[in-house]
Amino acid sequence: MKPSDLGREYLKPIFANALGQDDLEYQRLSTFSHCNLTLPYHSINTDIQKRIKYVC
């Protein structure tokens, strides 16, 4: 499904202003934090896998 011309015009400013400078700064700081080198990544997939294993 594709949006109509009117729908595209309505969505253009929303997508153009979806992320601001402050959003990108937070993302940069959290992604490249030195803590990410020492703390393991907690994946939701492993939690779901454990629950499925427990139920079955």
N, C-alpha and C. Protein backbone atom coordinates (compact mmCIF):
# COMPACT_ATOMS: atom_id res chain seq x y z
N MET A 1 0.84 -1.17 0.00
CA MET A 1 0.00 0.00 0.00
C MET A 1 0.89 1.24 0.00
N LYS A 2 0.51 2.17 -0.78
CA LYS A 2 1.25 3.43 -0.87
C LYS A 2 0.32 4.57 -0.46
N PRO A 3 0.88 5.57 0.23
CA PRO A 3 0.03 6.72 0.60
C PRO A 3 -0.31 7.56 -0.62
N SER A 4 -1.42 8.24 -0.54
CA SER A 4 -1.84 9.13 -1.63
C SER A 4 -0.95 10.37 -1.64
N ASP A 5 -1.14 11.21 -2.63
CA ASP A 5 -0.38 12.46 -2.70
C ASP A 5 -0.64 13.32 -1.47
N LEU A 6 -1.89 13.39 -1.05
CA LEU A 6 -2.24 14.17 0.14
C LEU A 6 -1.59 13.56 1.39
N GLY A 7 -1.59 12.24 1.47
CA GLY A 7 -0.96 11.56 2.59
C GLY A 7 0.54 11.81 2.64
N ARG A 8 1.20 11.79 1.49
CA ARG A 8 2.64 12.07 1.44
C ARG A 8 2.94 13.49 1.88
N GLU A 9 2.13 14.44 1.43
CA GLU A 9 2.34 15.84 1.83
C GLU A 9 2.13 16.02 3.34
N TYR A 10 1.19 15.29 3.89
CA TYR A 10 0.92 15.36 5.33
C TYR A 10 2.09 14.77 6.12
N LEU A 11 2.66 13.67 5.64
CA LEU A 11 3.72 12.97 6.37
C LEU A 11 5.10 13.58 6.20
N LYS A 12 5.32 14.35 5.14
CA LYS A 12 6.65 14.93 4.89
C LYS A 12 7.20 15.71 6.07
N PRO A 13 6.48 16.69 6.65
CA PRO A 13 7.05 17.43 7.77
C PRO A 13 7.24 16.57 9.02
N ILE A 14 6.40 15.56 9.18
CA ILE A 14 6.56 14.68 10.35
C ILE A 14 7.87 13.92 10.25
N PHE A 15 8.15 13.35 9.08
CA PHE A 15 9.39 12.60 8.91
C PHE A 15 10.60 13.51 8.85
N ALA A 16 10.44 14.70 8.33
CA ALA A 16 11.57 15.63 8.23
C ALA A 16 12.01 16.12 9.60
N ASN A 17 11.07 16.24 10.54
CA ASN A 17 11.39 16.74 11.87
C ASN A 17 11.29 15.68 12.95
N ALA A 18 11.37 14.42 12.58
CA ALA A 18 11.18 13.33 13.54
C ALA A 18 12.31 13.29 14.57
N LEU A 19 13.53 13.55 14.16
CA LEU A 19 14.67 13.52 15.07
C LEU A 19 15.31 14.89 15.13
N GLY A 20 15.51 15.36 16.33
CA GLY A 20 16.18 16.64 16.52
C GLY A 20 17.62 16.44 16.93
N GLN A 21 18.34 17.53 17.07
CA GLN A 21 19.74 17.47 17.46
C GLN A 21 19.91 16.84 18.83
N ASP A 22 19.01 17.15 19.77
CA ASP A 22 19.11 16.59 21.11
C ASP A 22 18.89 15.08 21.12
N ASP A 23 18.02 14.58 20.24
CA ASP A 23 17.79 13.14 20.14
C ASP A 23 19.06 12.44 19.66
N LEU A 24 19.70 13.02 18.67
CA LEU A 24 20.90 12.40 18.12
C LEU A 24 22.06 12.46 19.10
N GLU A 25 22.13 13.51 19.89
CA GLU A 25 23.20 13.62 20.89
C GLU A 25 23.05 12.54 21.95
N TYR A 26 21.83 12.30 22.42
CA TYR A 26 21.60 11.23 23.39
C TYR A 26 21.97 9.88 22.78
N GLN A 27 21.58 9.64 21.54
CA GLN A 27 21.89 8.38 20.88
C GLN A 27 23.40 8.19 20.76
N ARG A 28 24.11 9.25 20.41
CA ARG A 28 25.56 9.16 20.29
C ARG A 28 26.20 8.83 21.63
N LEU A 29 25.74 9.50 22.68
CA LEU A 29 26.32 9.27 24.00
C LEU A 29 26.02 7.88 24.53
N SER A 30 24.81 7.39 24.30
CA SER A 30 24.46 6.07 24.83
C SER A 30 25.07 4.94 24.01
N THR A 31 25.17 5.12 22.71
CA THR A 31 25.72 4.07 21.86
C THR A 31 27.21 3.91 22.06
N PHE A 32 27.92 5.02 22.17
CA PHE A 32 29.37 4.96 22.26
C PHE A 32 29.88 5.16 23.69
N SER A 33 29.07 4.78 24.67
CA SER A 33 29.48 4.88 26.06
C SER A 33 30.53 3.82 26.38
N HIS A 34 31.50 4.17 27.21
CA HIS A 34 32.56 3.21 27.55
C HIS A 34 32.01 2.04 28.36
N CYS A 35 30.85 2.19 29.00
CA CYS A 35 30.24 1.09 29.74
C CYS A 35 29.84 -0.06 28.82
N ASN A 36 29.57 0.24 27.57
CA ASN A 36 29.18 -0.81 26.62
C ASN A 36 30.31 -1.78 26.36
N LEU A 37 31.53 -1.40 26.68
CA LEU A 37 32.67 -2.30 26.49
C LEU A 37 32.82 -3.29 27.63
N THR A 38 32.29 -2.97 28.79
CA THR A 38 32.49 -3.83 29.96
C THR A 38 31.23 -4.57 30.38
N LEU A 39 30.06 -4.02 30.12
CA LEU A 39 28.81 -4.67 30.52
C LEU A 39 28.25 -5.49 29.36
N PRO A 40 27.77 -6.69 29.65
CA PRO A 40 27.20 -7.50 28.57
C PRO A 40 25.88 -6.92 28.10
N TYR A 41 25.57 -7.15 26.85
CA TYR A 41 24.32 -6.69 26.26
C TYR A 41 23.21 -7.65 26.69
N HIS A 42 22.13 -7.09 27.23
CA HIS A 42 21.00 -7.91 27.65
C HIS A 42 19.98 -7.98 26.52
N SER A 43 19.89 -9.12 25.92
CA SER A 43 18.99 -9.29 24.78
C SER A 43 17.64 -9.83 25.25
N ILE A 44 16.58 -9.23 24.76
CA ILE A 44 15.23 -9.71 25.09
C ILE A 44 14.99 -11.09 24.48
N ASN A 45 15.70 -11.41 23.40
CA ASN A 45 15.52 -12.70 22.75
C ASN A 45 15.93 -13.86 23.66
N THR A 46 16.96 -13.67 24.46
CA THR A 46 17.37 -14.75 25.37
C THR A 46 16.32 -14.96 26.45
N ASP A 47 15.69 -13.90 26.93
CA ASP A 47 14.62 -14.05 27.93
C ASP A 47 13.43 -14.80 27.34
N ILE A 48 13.07 -14.46 26.12
CA ILE A 48 11.94 -15.14 25.47
C ILE A 48 12.27 -16.60 25.24
N GLN A 49 13.49 -16.88 24.83
CA GLN A 49 13.92 -18.25 24.58
C GLN A 49 13.86 -19.08 25.87
N LYS A 50 14.28 -18.51 26.99
CA LYS A 50 14.21 -19.21 28.28
C LYS A 50 12.78 -19.51 28.67
N ARG A 51 11.88 -18.54 28.44
CA ARG A 51 10.48 -18.75 28.79
C ARG A 51 9.83 -19.82 27.92
N ILE A 52 10.17 -19.83 26.64
CA ILE A 52 9.63 -20.84 25.75
C ILE A 52 10.13 -22.22 26.17
N LYS A 53 11.38 -22.31 26.53
CA LYS A 53 11.96 -23.58 26.96
C LYS A 53 11.28 -24.06 28.24
N TYR A 54 10.96 -23.13 29.15
CA TYR A 54 10.32 -23.46 30.41
C TYR A 54 8.89 -23.95 30.17
N VAL A 55 8.17 -23.34 29.25
CA VAL A 55 6.77 -23.69 28.98
C VAL A 55 6.68 -25.04 28.28
N CYS A 56 7.60 -25.30 27.36
CA CYS A 56 7.54 -26.55 26.57
C CYS A 56 8.06 -27.68 27.32
